[in-house]
């Protein structure tokens, strides 16, 4: 993505992290976040805790679209009676970062640095969602 987009602009919510390949065990081991690793919850769907807030927890969620792209976005979650996360709303990468930064700017910035590592390593790129 050549141009810079202001984190506070409405355009930022339309940003997606597109991975060059689906997440697998090797990727999960290579890219931990805060000592946690991606784990697969269903075939093709991988999750990783991103941050906890008073109201909800946010998790990275990766899935492959019908068009074959692997998207890394976010899901907000609650915890069921057994302590397991219940995934609710899937959201774009930009929207998830914005929501997290509104609650905890430092946590949002940590996530931005984590995602930037994918770009640096050539395993992911940021794209504006096509309408």
Foldseek 3Di string as FASTA:
>chain_A
DPDDDDLPDPQLQQKWKWFPDQDDPVNQVVQAAPPWGWDDPDVFWTWTWQAQDPVWTKIWIWHADPVGIIITFIFTWDADPVRHTDTDDTGGNSVVLSVVCVRPVVSSVSVVVSSVVCVVVVGIDMDGHDD
